[in-house]
Amino acid sequence: MKRVFIILVNWNGWQDTIECLESLLLLEYPDFRIVICDNGSGDDSLQKIIHWAVRHEISCTEYQRNEAEAGGSPTADPLLTLIRNDENLGFAGGNNVGLRYALARGDAEYCWLLNNDTVVEPDALNHLVIRMEMQPNIGICGSTIRLYHNHKRVQALGGGHYCRWIGLPWHYGRFTPWSKTINQRRAEARMNYVEGASMLVSRKFLTEVGLLCEDYFLYFEEADWAIRAKGRFVLGYASQSIVYHKVGGSIGTSSNPAKMSYTSDYYNIRNRLLFTRRFYPAALPTVWMVIVGALLLRLCLGKWDRVAMIFRLLFNRDDQPHSVKP
């Protein structure tokens, strides 16, 4: 059985991370290791996770980032590895530390990037690996993501479609009622990215395509990864791999601009522009107009700080990409 490294990024979310860990301990897959990359949490997350591991008699090793990226101790093979990043590296940066650790260890055939605010079914990993093994040219494989607080609703069936002309992704099956009858092939045919809450990637994919792009910090990394892999790998979907997701609780993600946090709003708009300039420059005028619409909406909502932020982004005057407020 091929070994899978499960990578979680934690940032001030030890309660969610521990709940996720408890579901991972019930996995039926026989050969996996768990890696938690802590992005400089200020809530004593790692110590709380260590105490949890001790209570459950789980083998655990802790590394600083540079030690981990070199592969850690060659004689240690714990179920749980904790990595201190000492700063917030974002989604891509945090995951990349775990990916470098797994690749340096030399025994990782697959890596499962899993949001820490998820809970998984015991057979979730089995189905992901089976789907990848069935079609070796799959580079990234997604799960059925259902809402944690309402299991009858779907967040994404594997992934979704990114529309270049408006600069927005739409998860396939988003918020539809859950049905056990899923057309997996149809979902795969419509996907041009895999939803980032659950992504199984192969070692071959990581070697040939590379790690996640760290320019975004938050959002759009999955779409960037998929575009870079185009022509070499395809995207897969394991419909029976079920993951329950709390959907951005730690960073204030929301489809409603009135409820969206500043951080979420900032990176969503910043990275739409960055991604469009990088891959679809011909679509920049239409994306720019859609974002002007977003600016006017924030104006109507009286969110003056958001109006100023969007204006700076539109005119490329943003000088502090990673120092936004929560």
C-alpha atoms as a PDB file:
ATOM      1  CA  MET A   1       0.000   0.000   0.000  1.00  0.00           C
ATOM      2  CA  LYS A   2       1.368   3.414  -0.980  1.00  0.00           C
ATOM      3  CA  ARG A   3       2.071   5.890   1.815  1.00  0.00           C
ATOM      4  CA  VAL A   4       0.071   9.117   2.013  1.00  0.00           C
ATOM      5  CA  PHE A   5       1.165  12.213   3.917  1.00  0.00           C
ATOM      6  CA  ILE A   6      -1.845  14.214   5.149  1.00  0.00           C
ATOM      7  CA  ILE A   7      -0.972  17.904   5.450  1.00  0.00           C
ATOM      8  CA  LEU A   8      -2.945  20.368   7.569  1.00  0.00           C
ATOM      9  CA  VAL A   9      -2.154  24.066   7.992  1.00  0.00           C
ATOM     10  CA  ASN A  10      -3.093  25.506  11.371  1.00  0.00           C
ATOM     11  CA  TRP A  11      -3.377  29.182  12.222  1.00  0.00           C
ATOM     12  CA  ASN A  12      -5.010  29.951  15.564  1.00  0.00           C
ATOM     13  CA  GLY A  13      -7.419  27.063  15.054  1.00  0.00           C
ATOM     14  CA  TRP A  14      -6.353  24.241  17.342  1.00  0.00           C
ATOM     15  CA  GLN A  15      -9.963  23.277  18.199  1.00  0.00           C
ATOM     16  CA  ASP A  16     -10.782  22.699  14.527  1.00  0.00           C
ATOM     17  CA  THR A  17      -7.459  20.952  13.952  1.00  0.00           C
ATOM     18  CA  ILE A  18      -7.999  18.524  16.832  1.00  0.00           C
ATOM     19  CA  GLU A  19     -11.502  17.694  15.613  1.00  0.00           C
ATOM     20  CA  CYS A  20     -10.041  17.010  12.183  1.00  0.00           C
ATOM     21  CA  LEU A  21      -7.289  14.851  13.714  1.00  0.00           C
ATOM     22  CA  GLU A  22      -9.839  12.782  15.594  1.00  0.00           C
ATOM     23  CA  SER A  23     -11.603  11.984  12.332  1.00  0.00           C
ATOM     24  CA  LEU A  24      -8.274  11.134  10.666  1.00  0.00           C
ATOM     25  CA  LEU A  25      -7.498   8.591  13.378  1.00  0.00           C
ATOM     26  CA  LEU A  26     -10.555   6.651  12.180  1.00  0.00           C
ATOM     27  CA  LEU A  27      -9.328   6.412   8.573  1.00  0.00           C
ATOM     28  CA  GLU A  28      -9.466   2.931   7.098  1.00  0.00           C
ATOM     29  CA  TYR A  29      -6.459   3.542   4.845  1.00  0.00           C
ATOM     30  CA  PRO A  30      -3.564   1.511   6.295  1.00  0.00           C
ATOM     31  CA  ASP A  31      -0.491   3.657   5.584  1.00  0.00           C
ATOM     32  CA  PHE A  32      -0.621   7.383   6.281  1.00  0.00           C
ATOM     33  CA  ARG A  33       1.233  10.014   8.273  1.00  0.00           C
ATOM     34  CA  ILE A  34      -0.155  13.374   9.443  1.00  0.00           C
ATOM     35  CA  VAL A  35       1.765  16.638   9.189  1.00  0.00           C
ATOM     36  CA  ILE A  36       0.574  19.838  10.857  1.00  0.00           C
ATOM     37  CA  CYS A  37       2.227  23.059   9.714  1.00  0.00           C
ATOM     38  CA  ASP A  38       1.582  25.838  12.207  1.00  0.00           C
ATOM     39  CA  ASN A  39       1.663  29.312  10.647  1.00  0.00           C
ATOM     40  CA  GLY A  40       2.843  31.258  13.683  1.00  0.00           C
ATOM     41  CA  SER A  41      -0.298  30.830  15.785  1.00  0.00           C
ATOM     42  CA  GLY A  42      -0.674  33.118  18.781  1.00  0.00           C
ATOM     43  CA  ASP A  43      -3.109  30.892  20.688  1.00  0.00           C
ATOM     44  CA  ASP A  44      -0.631  28.224  21.874  1.00  0.00           C
ATOM     45  CA  SER A  45      -2.022  25.855  19.230  1.00  0.00           C
ATOM     46  CA  LEU A  46       0.927  23.491  19.007  1.00  0.00           C
ATOM     47  CA  GLN A  47       1.139  22.990  22.765  1.00  0.00           C
ATOM     48  CA  LYS A  48      -2.564  22.162  22.900  1.00  0.00           C
ATOM     49  CA  ILE A  49      -2.174  19.702  20.012  1.00  0.00           C
ATOM     50  CA  ILE A  50       0.837  18.101  21.745  1.00  0.00           C
ATOM     51  CA  HIS A  51      -1.188  17.672  24.951  1.00  0.00           C
ATOM     52  CA  TRP A  52      -3.969  16.071  22.898  1.00  0.00           C
ATOM     53  CA  ALA A  53      -1.476  13.669  21.254  1.00  0.00           C
ATOM     54  CA  VAL A  54       0.005  12.689  24.627  1.00  0.00           C
ATOM     55  CA  ARG A  55      -3.449  11.954  26.043  1.00  0.00           C
ATOM     56  CA  HIS A  56      -4.213   9.719  23.073  1.00  0.00           C
ATOM     57  CA  GLU A  57      -0.758   8.063  23.170  1.00  0.00           C
ATOM     58  CA  ILE A  58       0.005   9.166  19.598  1.00  0.00           C
ATOM     59  CA  SER A  59       3.643   9.218  18.487  1.00  0.00           C
ATOM     60  CA  CYS A  60       4.590  12.818  17.768  1.00  0.00           C
ATOM     61  CA  THR A  61       7.704  14.698  16.639  1.00  0.00           C
ATOM     62  CA  GLU A  62       8.174  18.458  16.479  1.00  0.00           C
ATOM     63  CA  TYR A  63      10.461  20.330  14.068  1.00  0.00           C
ATOM     64  CA  GLN A  64      11.378  23.849  13.161  1.00  0.00           C
ATOM     65  CA  ARG A  65      10.710  24.713   9.532  1.00  0.00           C
ATOM     66  CA  ASN A  66      14.322  24.291   8.304  1.00  0.00           C
ATOM     67  CA  GLU A  67      14.636  20.893  10.005  1.00  0.00           C
ATOM     68  CA  ALA A  68      11.367  19.698   8.504  1.00  0.00           C
ATOM     69  CA  GLU A  69      12.154  20.817   4.973  1.00  0.00           C
ATOM     70  CA  ALA A  70      15.355  18.767   5.171  1.00  0.00           C
ATOM     71  CA  GLY A  71      13.264  15.691   6.010  1.00  0.00           C
ATOM     72  CA  GLY A  72      13.621  15.671   9.796  1.00  0.00           C
ATOM     73  CA  SER A  73      15.246  12.802  11.621  1.00  0.00           C
ATOM     74  CA  PRO A  74      15.771   9.802   9.294  1.00  0.00           C
ATOM     75  CA  THR A  75      15.144   7.382  12.170  1.00  0.00           C
ATOM     76  CA  ALA A  76      11.894   8.964  13.351  1.00  0.00           C
ATOM     77  CA  ASP A  77       8.622   7.810  11.797  1.00  0.00           C
ATOM     78  CA  PRO A  78       5.840   9.268  13.970  1.00  0.00           C
ATOM     79  CA  LEU A  79       2.162   9.203  13.110  1.00  0.00           C
ATOM     80  CA  LEU A  80       2.015  12.952  13.777  1.00  0.00           C
ATOM     81  CA  THR A  81       4.631  15.549  12.823  1.00  0.00           C
ATOM     82  CA  LEU A  82       4.313  19.146  14.000  1.00  0.00           C
ATOM     83  CA  ILE A  83       6.195  21.897  12.168  1.00  0.00           C
ATOM     84  CA  ARG A  84       6.701  25.404  13.562  1.00  0.00           C
ATOM     85  CA  ASN A  85       6.742  27.938  10.736  1.00  0.00           C
ATOM     86  CA  ASP A  86       6.974  30.869  13.212  1.00  0.00           C
ATOM     87  CA  GLU A  87       5.123  33.184  10.808  1.00  0.00           C
ATOM     88  CA  ASN A  88       1.961  33.188   8.751  1.00  0.00           C
ATOM     89  CA  LEU A  89       3.036  31.861   5.352  1.00  0.00           C
ATOM     90  CA  GLY A  90      -0.501  31.704   3.975  1.00  0.00           C
ATOM     91  CA  PHE A  91      -2.250  28.691   2.483  1.00  0.00           C
ATOM     92  CA  ALA A  92       0.353  27.899  -0.152  1.00  0.00           C
ATOM     93  CA  GLY A  93       3.395  28.678   1.969  1.00  0.00           C
ATOM     94  CA  GLY A  94       2.167  26.630   4.910  1.00  0.00           C
ATOM     95  CA  ASN A  95       1.269  23.648   2.753  1.00  0.00           C
ATOM     96  CA  ASN A  96       4.542  23.862   0.833  1.00  0.00           C
ATOM     97  CA  VAL A  97       6.533  23.374   4.039  1.00  0.00           C
ATOM     98  CA  GLY A  98       4.625  20.144   4.624  1.00  0.00           C
ATOM     99  CA  LEU A  99       5.075  19.085   0.997  1.00  0.00           C
ATOM    100  CA  ARG A 100       8.831  19.665   1.157  1.00  0.00           C
ATOM    101  CA  TYR A 101       8.978  17.590   4.329  1.00  0.00           C
ATOM    102  CA  ALA A 102       7.035  14.735   2.717  1.00  0.00           C
ATOM    103  CA  LEU A 103       9.137  14.791  -0.456  1.00  0.00           C
ATOM    104  CA  ALA A 104      12.382  14.919   1.531  1.00  0.00           C
ATOM    105  CA  ARG A 105      11.318  11.856   3.519  1.00  0.00           C
ATOM    106  CA  GLY A 106      11.351   9.872   0.273  1.00  0.00           C
ATOM    107  CA  ASP A 107       8.437   7.539   1.028  1.00  0.00           C
ATOM    108  CA  ALA A 108       5.479   9.742   0.081  1.00  0.00           C
ATOM    109  CA  GLU A 109       3.612   8.491  -2.962  1.00  0.00           C
ATOM    110  CA  TYR A 110       0.706  10.866  -2.388  1.00  0.00           C
ATOM    111  CA  CYS A 111       0.062  13.994  -0.323  1.00  0.00           C
ATOM    112  CA  TRP A 112      -3.416  14.906   0.863  1.00  0.00           C
ATOM    113  CA  LEU A 113      -3.826  18.637   1.377  1.00  0.00           C
ATOM    114  CA  LEU A 114      -6.735  18.942   3.765  1.00  0.00           C
ATOM    115  CA  ASN A 115      -8.165  22.046   5.402  1.00  0.00           C
ATOM    116  CA  ASN A 116      -7.877  21.914   9.166  1.00  0.00           C
ATOM    117  CA  ASP A 117     -11.549  22.908   9.552  1.00  0.00           C
ATOM    118  CA  THR A 118     -12.774  19.676   8.002  1.00  0.00           C
ATOM    119  CA  VAL A 119     -13.966  16.304   9.255  1.00  0.00           C
ATOM    120  CA  VAL A 120     -13.640  13.253   7.005  1.00  0.00           C
ATOM    121  CA  GLU A 121     -15.455   9.973   6.601  1.00  0.00           C
ATOM    122  CA  PRO A 122     -13.352   6.885   7.481  1.00  0.00           C
ATOM    123  CA  ASP A 123     -13.158   5.729   3.839  1.00  0.00           C
ATOM    124  CA  ALA A 124     -12.497   9.196   2.354  1.00  0.00           C
ATOM    125  CA  LEU A 125      -8.804   8.576   1.688  1.00  0.00           C
ATOM    126  CA  ASN A 126      -9.390   5.081   0.308  1.00  0.00           C
ATOM    127  CA  HIS A 127     -11.600   6.451  -2.455  1.00  0.00           C
ATOM    128  CA  LEU A 128      -9.150   9.230  -3.350  1.00  0.00           C
ATOM    129  CA  VAL A 129      -6.256   6.787  -3.742  1.00  0.00           C
ATOM    130  CA  ILE A 130      -8.380   4.297  -5.690  1.00  0.00           C
ATOM    131  CA  ARG A 131      -9.406   7.013  -8.165  1.00  0.00           C
ATOM    132  CA  MET A 132      -5.781   8.108  -8.647  1.00  0.00           C
ATOM    133  CA  GLU A 133      -4.640   4.520  -9.130  1.00  0.00           C
ATOM    134  CA  MET A 134      -7.358   3.903 -11.719  1.00  0.00           C
ATOM    135  CA  GLN A 135      -6.049   6.719 -13.931  1.00  0.00           C
ATOM    136  CA  PRO A 136      -2.334   7.451 -13.417  1.00  0.00           C
ATOM    137  CA  ASN A 137      -2.431  10.738 -15.362  1.00  0.00           C
ATOM    138  CA  ILE A 138      -4.614  12.329 -12.675  1.00  0.00           C
ATOM    139  CA  GLY A 139      -2.417  14.853 -10.881  1.00  0.00           C
ATOM    140  CA  ILE A 140      -4.931  16.272  -8.385  1.00  0.00           C
ATOM    141  CA  CYS A 141      -8.028  14.485  -7.110  1.00  0.00           C
ATOM    142  CA  GLY A 142     -10.877  16.121  -5.195  1.00  0.00           C
ATOM    143  CA  SER A 143     -13.562  14.912  -2.810  1.00  0.00           C
ATOM    144  CA  THR A 144     -17.247  15.531  -2.348  1.00  0.00           C
ATOM    145  CA  ILE A 145     -17.236  18.518   0.004  1.00  0.00           C
ATOM    146  CA  ARG A 146     -20.368  18.838   2.112  1.00  0.00           C
ATOM    147  CA  LEU A 147     -21.158  21.607   4.580  1.00  0.00           C
ATOM    148  CA  TYR A 148     -20.145  20.747   8.142  1.00  0.00           C
ATOM    149  CA  HIS A 149     -23.123  22.535   9.689  1.00  0.00           C
ATOM    150  CA  ASN A 150     -25.603  21.135   7.172  1.00  0.00           C
ATOM    151  CA  HIS A 151     -24.631  17.735   5.821  1.00  0.00           C
ATOM    152  CA  LYS A 152     -27.509  17.827   3.355  1.00  0.00           C
ATOM    153  CA  ARG A 153     -25.884  20.667   1.392  1.00  0.00           C
ATOM    154  CA  VAL A 154     -22.930  20.418  -0.987  1.00  0.00           C
ATOM    155  CA  GLN A 155     -20.068  22.916  -1.183  1.00  0.00           C
ATOM    156  CA  ALA A 156     -18.353  21.280  -4.146  1.00  0.00           C
ATOM    157  CA  LEU A 157     -18.420  18.066  -6.130  1.00  0.00           C
ATOM    158  CA  GLY A 158     -14.666  17.725  -6.516  1.00  0.00           C
ATOM    159  CA  GLY A 159     -14.006  21.213  -7.819  1.00  0.00           C
ATOM    160  CA  GLY A 160     -15.535  23.687 -10.202  1.00  0.00           C
ATOM    161  CA  HIS A 161     -15.192  25.993 -13.151  1.00  0.00           C
ATOM    162  CA  TYR A 162     -13.249  29.234 -13.204  1.00  0.00           C
ATOM    163  CA  CYS A 163     -14.711  31.843 -15.546  1.00  0.00           C
ATOM    164  CA  ARG A 164     -11.870  33.967 -16.885  1.00  0.00           C
ATOM    165  CA  TRP A 165     -14.135  36.811 -18.080  1.00  0.00           C
ATOM    166  CA  ILE A 166     -15.415  37.713 -14.632  1.00  0.00           C
ATOM    167  CA  GLY A 167     -12.466  36.346 -12.687  1.00  0.00           C
ATOM    168  CA  LEU A 168     -14.514  34.119 -10.413  1.00  0.00           C
ATOM    169  CA  PRO A 169     -14.701  30.382  -9.702  1.00  0.00           C
ATOM    170  CA  TRP A 170     -17.961  28.501  -9.249  1.00  0.00           C
ATOM    171  CA  HIS A 171     -17.876  25.206  -7.370  1.00  0.00           C
ATOM    172  CA  TYR A 172     -19.663  22.442  -9.252  1.00  0.00           C
ATOM    173  CA  GLY A 173     -22.742  21.405  -7.255  1.00  0.00           C
ATOM    174  CA  ARG A 174     -22.429  24.400  -4.933  1.00  0.00           C
ATOM    175  CA  PHE A 175     -25.098  24.478  -2.224  1.00  0.00           C
ATOM    176  CA  THR A 176     -27.223  21.875  -3.998  1.00  0.00           C
ATOM    177  CA  PRO A 177     -29.012  19.221  -1.916  1.00  0.00           C
ATOM    178  CA  TRP A 178     -26.877  16.173  -1.224  1.00  0.00           C
ATOM    179  CA  SER A 179     -27.655  13.146  -3.361  1.00  0.00           C
ATOM    180  CA  LYS A 180     -25.886   9.813  -3.298  1.00  0.00           C
ATOM    181  CA  THR A 181     -26.335   9.607  -7.071  1.00  0.00           C
ATOM    182  CA  ILE A 182     -23.507  11.659  -8.596  1.00  0.00           C
ATOM    183  CA  ASN A 183     -22.364  11.685 -12.203  1.00  0.00           C
ATOM    184  CA  GLN A 184     -18.639  11.563 -11.504  1.00  0.00           C
ATOM    185  CA  ARG A 185     -17.569  11.728 -15.153  1.00  0.00           C
ATOM    186  CA  ARG A 186     -19.763  14.750 -15.802  1.00  0.00           C
ATOM    187  CA  ALA A 187     -18.309  16.534 -12.783  1.00  0.00           C
ATOM    188  CA  GLU A 188     -14.734  15.791 -13.898  1.00  0.00           C
ATOM    189  CA  ALA A 189     -15.499  17.028 -17.413  1.00  0.00           C
ATOM    190  CA  ARG A 190     -16.721  20.375 -16.068  1.00  0.00           C
ATOM    191  CA  MET A 191     -13.893  20.974 -13.594  1.00  0.00           C
ATOM    192  CA  ASN A 192     -10.947  23.205 -14.359  1.00  0.00           C
ATOM    193  CA  TYR A 193      -9.760  23.322 -10.740  1.00  0.00           C
ATOM    194  CA  VAL A 194     -10.041  21.091  -7.657  1.00  0.00           C
ATOM    195  CA  GLU A 195     -11.572  22.592  -4.501  1.00  0.00           C
ATOM    196  CA  GLY A 196      -8.722  23.299  -2.095  1.00  0.00           C
ATOM    197  CA  ALA A 197     -10.341  21.936   1.068  1.00  0.00           C
ATOM    198  CA  SER A 198      -9.382  18.418  -0.071  1.00  0.00           C
ATOM    199  CA  MET A 199      -6.741  17.758  -2.732  1.00  0.00           C
ATOM    200  CA  LEU A 200      -4.838  14.505  -3.155  1.00  0.00           C
ATOM    201  CA  VAL A 201      -1.715  15.084  -5.267  1.00  0.00           C
ATOM    202  CA  SER A 202       0.779  12.551  -6.550  1.00  0.00           C
ATOM    203  CA  ARG A 203       4.520  12.645  -6.057  1.00  0.00           C
ATOM    204  CA  LYS A 204       4.924  12.640  -9.848  1.00  0.00           C
ATOM    205  CA  PHE A 205       2.720  15.734 -10.091  1.00  0.00           C
ATOM    206  CA  LEU A 206       4.762  17.558  -7.444  1.00  0.00           C
ATOM    207  CA  THR A 207       8.032  16.626  -9.128  1.00  0.00           C
ATOM    208  CA  GLU A 208       6.951  17.721 -12.608  1.00  0.00           C
ATOM    209  CA  VAL A 209       4.643  20.679 -11.906  1.00  0.00           C
ATOM    210  CA  GLY A 210       6.127  21.940  -8.653  1.00  0.00           C
ATOM    211  CA  LEU A 211       4.656  23.171  -5.394  1.00  0.00           C
ATOM    212  CA  LEU A 212       1.852  25.661  -4.824  1.00  0.00           C
ATOM    213  CA  CYS A 213       2.529  29.229  -5.957  1.00  0.00           C
ATOM    214  CA  GLU A 214       3.075  31.402  -2.883  1.00  0.00           C
ATOM    215  CA  ASP A 215       2.348  34.719  -4.615  1.00  0.00           C
ATOM    216  CA  TYR A 216      -1.347  34.567  -3.696  1.00  0.00           C
ATOM    217  CA  PHE A 217      -1.073  33.951   0.073  1.00  0.00           C
ATOM    218  CA  LEU A 218      -4.778  33.056   0.158  1.00  0.00           C
ATOM    219  CA  TYR A 219      -7.206  31.943  -2.607  1.00  0.00           C
ATOM    220  CA  PHE A 220      -6.593  31.045  -6.286  1.00  0.00           C
ATOM    221  CA  GLU A 221      -3.706  28.650  -5.567  1.00  0.00           C
ATOM    222  CA  GLU A 222      -5.762  25.654  -6.736  1.00  0.00           C
ATOM    223  CA  ALA A 223      -6.628  27.283 -10.066  1.00  0.00           C
ATOM    224  CA  ASP A 224      -2.996  28.300 -10.566  1.00  0.00           C
ATOM    225  CA  TRP A 225      -1.865  24.717  -9.885  1.00  0.00           C
ATOM    226  CA  ALA A 226      -4.398  23.303 -12.351  1.00  0.00           C
ATOM    227  CA  ILE A 227      -3.391  25.682 -15.141  1.00  0.00           C
ATOM    228  CA  ARG A 228       0.305  24.944 -14.654  1.00  0.00           C
ATOM    229  CA  ALA A 229      -0.442  21.217 -14.950  1.00  0.00           C
ATOM    230  CA  LYS A 230      -2.564  21.517 -18.089  1.00  0.00           C
ATOM    231  CA  GLY A 231      -1.402  19.224 -20.891  1.00  0.00           C
ATOM    232  CA  ARG A 232       0.576  17.001 -18.519  1.00  0.00           C
ATOM    233  CA  PHE A 233      -2.010  15.910 -15.949  1.00  0.00           C
ATOM    234  CA  VAL A 234      -5.793  15.811 -15.670  1.00  0.00           C
ATOM    235  CA  LEU A 235      -8.031  16.564 -12.689  1.00  0.00           C
ATOM    236  CA  GLY A 236      -9.880  13.783 -10.889  1.00  0.00           C
ATOM    237  CA  TYR A 237     -12.859  13.478  -8.577  1.00  0.00           C
ATOM    238  CA  ALA A 238     -13.592  10.688  -6.128  1.00  0.00           C
ATOM    239  CA  SER A 239     -17.315  11.099  -5.518  1.00  0.00           C
ATOM    240  CA  GLN A 240     -17.419   8.655  -2.603  1.00  0.00           C
ATOM    241  CA  SER A 241     -14.666  10.502  -0.729  1.00  0.00           C
ATOM    242  CA  ILE A 242     -16.748  12.586   1.697  1.00  0.00           C
ATOM    243  CA  VAL A 243     -15.331  15.592   3.540  1.00  0.00           C
ATOM    244  CA  TYR A 244     -17.337  17.970   5.738  1.00  0.00           C
ATOM    245  CA  HIS A 245     -16.091  21.568   5.658  1.00  0.00           C
ATOM    246  CA  LYS A 246     -16.760  24.510   7.980  1.00  0.00           C
ATOM    247  CA  VAL A 247     -16.102  26.885   5.036  1.00  0.00           C
ATOM    248  CA  GLY A 248     -13.644  29.579   6.020  1.00  0.00           C
ATOM    249  CA  GLY A 249     -14.572  30.123   9.637  1.00  0.00           C
ATOM    250  CA  SER A 250     -11.062  31.226  10.611  1.00  0.00           C
ATOM    251  CA  ILE A 251     -10.720  33.963   7.965  1.00  0.00           C
ATOM    252  CA  GLY A 252     -14.282  35.183   7.503  1.00  0.00           C
ATOM    253  CA  THR A 253     -14.951  33.758   4.049  1.00  0.00           C
ATOM    254  CA  SER A 254     -18.453  34.544   2.813  1.00  0.00           C
ATOM    255  CA  SER A 255     -20.225  35.014  -0.512  1.00  0.00           C
ATOM    256  CA  ASN A 256     -22.065  37.955   1.081  1.00  0.00           C
ATOM    257  CA  PRO A 257     -19.927  41.157   0.889  1.00  0.00           C
ATOM    258  CA  ALA A 258     -21.674  42.515   3.988  1.00  0.00           C
ATOM    259  CA  LYS A 259     -20.415  39.548   6.043  1.00  0.00           C
ATOM    260  CA  MET A 260     -17.022  38.996   4.412  1.00  0.00           C
ATOM    261  CA  SER A 261     -13.970  39.867   6.516  1.00  0.00           C
ATOM    262  CA  TYR A 262     -11.511  42.488   5.308  1.00  0.00           C
ATOM    263  CA  THR A 263      -8.837  39.821   4.874  1.00  0.00           C
ATOM    264  CA  SER A 264     -11.081  37.625   2.756  1.00  0.00           C
ATOM    265  CA  ASP A 265     -12.294  40.583   0.678  1.00  0.00           C
ATOM    266  CA  TYR A 266      -8.775  41.856   0.121  1.00  0.00           C
ATOM    267  CA  TYR A 267      -7.238  38.611  -1.097  1.00  0.00           C
ATOM    268  CA  ASN A 268     -10.265  37.676  -3.168  1.00  0.00           C
ATOM    269  CA  ILE A 269     -10.030  40.895  -5.184  1.00  0.00           C
ATOM    270  CA  ARG A 270      -6.237  41.191  -5.187  1.00  0.00           C
ATOM    271  CA  ASN A 271      -5.791  37.671  -6.498  1.00  0.00           C
ATOM    272  CA  ARG A 272      -8.507  37.910  -9.141  1.00  0.00           C
ATOM    273  CA  LEU A 273      -6.431  40.679 -10.674  1.00  0.00           C
ATOM    274  CA  LEU A 274      -3.108  38.882 -10.150  1.00  0.00           C
ATOM    275  CA  PHE A 275      -4.400  35.605 -11.603  1.00  0.00           C
ATOM    276  CA  THR A 276      -5.982  37.350 -14.601  1.00  0.00           C
ATOM    277  CA  ARG A 277      -2.847  39.343 -15.401  1.00  0.00           C
ATOM    278  CA  ARG A 278      -0.788  36.177 -15.204  1.00  0.00           C
ATOM    279  CA  PHE A 279      -2.901  33.747 -17.241  1.00  0.00           C
ATOM    280  CA  TYR A 280      -5.724  35.614 -19.014  1.00  0.00           C
ATOM    281  CA  PRO A 281      -4.573  39.184 -19.762  1.00  0.00           C
ATOM    282  CA  ALA A 282      -7.144  39.510 -22.560  1.00  0.00           C
ATOM    283  CA  ALA A 283      -9.883  39.198 -19.928  1.00  0.00           C
ATOM    284  CA  LEU A 284      -8.496  41.984 -17.742  1.00  0.00           C
ATOM    285  CA  PRO A 285     -10.933  44.697 -19.003  1.00  0.00           C
ATOM    286  CA  THR A 286     -14.039  42.646 -18.133  1.00  0.00           C
ATOM    287  CA  VAL A 287     -12.618  41.503 -14.791  1.00  0.00           C
ATOM    288  CA  TRP A 288     -11.697  45.139 -14.024  1.00  0.00           C
ATOM    289  CA  MET A 289     -15.304  46.221 -14.710  1.00  0.00           C
ATOM    290  CA  VAL A 290     -16.712  43.478 -12.469  1.00  0.00           C
ATOM    291  CA  ILE A 291     -14.431  44.634  -9.654  1.00  0.00           C
ATOM    292  CA  VAL A 292     -15.557  48.235 -10.183  1.00  0.00           C
ATOM    293  CA  GLY A 293     -19.048  46.873  -9.553  1.00  0.00           C
ATOM    294  CA  ALA A 294     -17.770  45.319  -6.319  1.00  0.00           C
ATOM    295  CA  LEU A 295     -16.344  48.717  -5.333  1.00  0.00           C
ATOM    296  CA  LEU A 296     -19.732  50.387  -5.889  1.00  0.00           C
ATOM    297  CA  LEU A 297     -21.441  47.715  -3.800  1.00  0.00           C
ATOM    298  CA  ARG A 298     -19.044  48.329  -0.887  1.00  0.00           C
ATOM    299  CA  LEU A 299     -19.752  52.031  -1.309  1.00  0.00           C
ATOM    300  CA  CYS A 300     -23.484  51.370  -0.932  1.00  0.00           C
ATOM    301  CA  LEU A 301     -22.768  49.281   2.166  1.00  0.00           C
ATOM    302  CA  GLY A 302     -20.772  52.141   3.699  1.00  0.00           C
ATOM    303  CA  LYS A 303     -17.579  50.072   3.856  1.00  0.00           C
ATOM    304  CA  TRP A 304     -15.232  52.974   3.165  1.00  0.00           C
ATOM    305  CA  ASP A 305     -12.059  51.067   4.039  1.00  0.00           C
ATOM    306  CA  ARG A 306     -12.992  48.418   1.436  1.00  0.00           C
ATOM    307  CA  VAL A 307     -13.656  51.115  -1.180  1.00  0.00           C
ATOM    308  CA  ALA A 308     -10.180  52.582  -0.619  1.00  0.00           C
ATOM    309  CA  MET A 309      -8.625  49.101  -0.685  1.00  0.00           C
ATOM    310  CA  ILE A 310     -10.285  48.139  -3.983  1.00  0.00           C
ATOM    311  CA  PHE A 311      -9.337  51.473  -5.548  1.00  0.00           C
ATOM    312  CA  ARG A 312      -5.671  50.846  -4.675  1.00  0.00           C
ATOM    313  CA  LEU A 313      -5.812  47.339  -6.106  1.00  0.00           C
ATOM    314  CA  LEU A 314      -7.491  48.424  -9.332  1.00  0.00           C
ATOM    315  CA  PHE A 315      -4.843  51.039  -9.978  1.00  0.00           C
ATOM    316  CA  ASN A 316      -1.986  48.771  -8.852  1.00  0.00           C
ATOM    317  CA  ARG A 317      -1.100  50.937  -5.852  1.00  0.00           C
ATOM    318  CA  ASP A 318      -1.104  48.204  -3.256  1.00  0.00           C
ATOM    319  CA  ASP A 319       2.132  48.298  -1.285  1.00  0.00           C
ATOM    320  CA  GLN A 320       1.403  45.968   1.647  1.00  0.00           C
ATOM    321  CA  PRO A 321       0.033  42.666   0.337  1.00  0.00           C
ATOM    322  CA  HIS A 322       0.393  40.634   3.531  1.00  0.00           C
ATOM    323  CA  SER A 323      -0.278  43.170   6.281  1.00  0.00           C
ATOM    324  CA  VAL A 324      -4.035  43.377   6.139  1.00  0.00           C
ATOM    325  CA  LYS A 325      -6.245  43.433   9.164  1.00  0.00           C
ATOM    326  CA  PRO A 326      -8.509  40.553  10.218  1.00  0.00           C
END
